[in-house]
Amino acid sequence: MDSEPAVSTKTCCASCGIEESDDIKLKSCTACKLVRYCSVKCQREHRPQHKRECKKRAAELHDEILFR
């Protein structure tokens, strides 16, 4: 009998992986809203990996707003 691994529904920082808690509030990327960060430092460190996907998603969101 195989059991599937539990999937965490908690959000975590895209850079360091720390989970959101009562003490740690994650902030969403303001452009794409897809990823969350625990600090400005983590956001800056993750930016090179996130930049391309962020611009693509931000453009999609912009188009959705324009063509409602």
C-alpha atoms as a PDB file:
ATOM      1  CA  MET A   1       0.000   0.000   0.000  1.00  0.00           C
ATOM      2  CA  ASP A   2       1.668   3.200  -1.212  1.00  0.00           C
ATOM      3  CA  SER A   3       0.853   6.430   0.525  1.00  0.00           C
ATOM      4  CA  GLU A   4       1.420   9.787  -1.086  1.00  0.00           C
ATOM      5  CA  PRO A   5       3.728  12.203   0.698  1.00  0.00           C
ATOM      6  CA  ALA A   6       1.990  14.998   2.545  1.00  0.00           C
ATOM      7  CA  VAL A   7       1.990  18.272   0.658  1.00  0.00           C
ATOM      8  CA  SER A   8       2.584  21.347   2.742  1.00  0.00           C
ATOM      9  CA  THR A   9       0.047  24.092   2.217  1.00  0.00           C
ATOM     10  CA  LYS A  10       2.221  26.631   4.031  1.00  0.00           C
ATOM     11  CA  THR A  11       3.937  29.256   1.978  1.00  0.00           C
ATOM     12  CA  CYS A  12       7.657  29.719   2.182  1.00  0.00           C
ATOM     13  CA  CYS A  13      10.297  32.210   1.122  1.00  0.00           C
ATOM     14  CA  ALA A  14      11.356  31.609  -2.497  1.00  0.00           C
ATOM     15  CA  SER A  15      14.981  32.319  -1.602  1.00  0.00           C
ATOM     16  CA  CYS A  16      15.744  30.696   1.758  1.00  0.00           C
ATOM     17  CA  GLY A  17      12.711  28.407   2.148  1.00  0.00           C
ATOM     18  CA  ILE A  18      11.674  29.592   5.607  1.00  0.00           C
ATOM     19  CA  GLU A  19       7.973  28.962   6.227  1.00  0.00           C
ATOM     20  CA  GLU A  20       5.521  31.706   7.072  1.00  0.00           C
ATOM     21  CA  SER A  21       4.461  31.771  10.730  1.00  0.00           C
ATOM     22  CA  ASP A  22       2.953  34.130  13.270  1.00  0.00           C
ATOM     23  CA  ASP A  23       6.391  35.716  13.716  1.00  0.00           C
ATOM     24  CA  ILE A  24       7.444  35.679  10.062  1.00  0.00           C
ATOM     25  CA  LYS A  25       5.210  37.385   7.514  1.00  0.00           C
ATOM     26  CA  LEU A  26       6.112  36.830   3.876  1.00  0.00           C
ATOM     27  CA  LYS A  27       5.655  39.570   1.317  1.00  0.00           C
ATOM     28  CA  SER A  28       4.652  38.844  -2.281  1.00  0.00           C
ATOM     29  CA  CYS A  29       6.596  40.030  -5.287  1.00  0.00           C
ATOM     30  CA  THR A  30       4.775  43.231  -6.184  1.00  0.00           C
ATOM     31  CA  ALA A  31       5.158  42.718  -9.932  1.00  0.00           C
ATOM     32  CA  CYS A  32       4.019  39.123 -10.481  1.00  0.00           C
ATOM     33  CA  LYS A  33       2.478  38.076  -7.140  1.00  0.00           C
ATOM     34  CA  LEU A  34       3.792  34.521  -7.731  1.00  0.00           C
ATOM     35  CA  VAL A  35       6.557  34.268  -5.146  1.00  0.00           C
ATOM     36  CA  ARG A  36       6.974  35.418  -1.572  1.00  0.00           C
ATOM     37  CA  TYR A  37       9.977  36.575   0.416  1.00  0.00           C
ATOM     38  CA  CYS A  38      10.785  36.925   4.110  1.00  0.00           C
ATOM     39  CA  SER A  39      13.115  39.896   3.604  1.00  0.00           C
ATOM     40  CA  VAL A  40      14.443  42.392   1.094  1.00  0.00           C
ATOM     41  CA  LYS A  41      17.794  40.572   1.308  1.00  0.00           C
ATOM     42  CA  CYS A  42      16.192  37.295   0.158  1.00  0.00           C
ATOM     43  CA  GLN A  43      14.314  39.102  -2.608  1.00  0.00           C
ATOM     44  CA  ARG A  44      17.547  40.640  -3.935  1.00  0.00           C
ATOM     45  CA  GLU A  45      19.427  37.322  -3.753  1.00  0.00           C
ATOM     46  CA  HIS A  46      16.666  35.484  -5.645  1.00  0.00           C
ATOM     47  CA  ARG A  47      16.134  38.187  -8.280  1.00  0.00           C
ATOM     48  CA  PRO A  48      18.485  36.741 -10.951  1.00  0.00           C
ATOM     49  CA  GLN A  49      16.570  33.430 -10.966  1.00  0.00           C
ATOM     50  CA  HIS A  50      13.157  35.079 -10.739  1.00  0.00           C
ATOM     51  CA  LYS A  51      13.574  37.997 -13.162  1.00  0.00           C
ATOM     52  CA  ARG A  52      12.588  36.316 -16.455  1.00  0.00           C
ATOM     53  CA  GLU A  53       9.463  34.576 -15.135  1.00  0.00           C
ATOM     54  CA  CYS A  54       8.487  37.691 -13.201  1.00  0.00           C
ATOM     55  CA  LYS A  55       8.550  39.919 -16.285  1.00  0.00           C
ATOM     56  CA  LYS A  56       6.499  37.376 -18.234  1.00  0.00           C
ATOM     57  CA  ARG A  57       3.842  37.089 -15.508  1.00  0.00           C
ATOM     58  CA  ALA A  58       3.761  40.844 -14.907  1.00  0.00           C
ATOM     59  CA  ALA A  59       3.058  41.378 -18.624  1.00  0.00           C
ATOM     60  CA  GLU A  60       0.242  38.801 -18.466  1.00  0.00           C
ATOM     61  CA  LEU A  61      -1.296  40.560 -15.473  1.00  0.00           C
ATOM     62  CA  HIS A  62      -1.013  43.905 -17.245  1.00  0.00           C
ATOM     63  CA  ASP A  63      -2.796  42.493 -20.320  1.00  0.00           C
ATOM     64  CA  GLU A  64      -5.559  41.004 -18.158  1.00  0.00           C
ATOM     65  CA  ILE A  65      -6.196  44.400 -16.605  1.00  0.00           C
ATOM     66  CA  LEU A  66      -6.138  46.209 -19.959  1.00  0.00           C
ATOM     67  CA  PHE A  67      -8.474  43.820 -21.769  1.00  0.00           C
ATOM     68  CA  ARG A  68     -11.194  43.229 -19.177  1.00  0.00           C
END
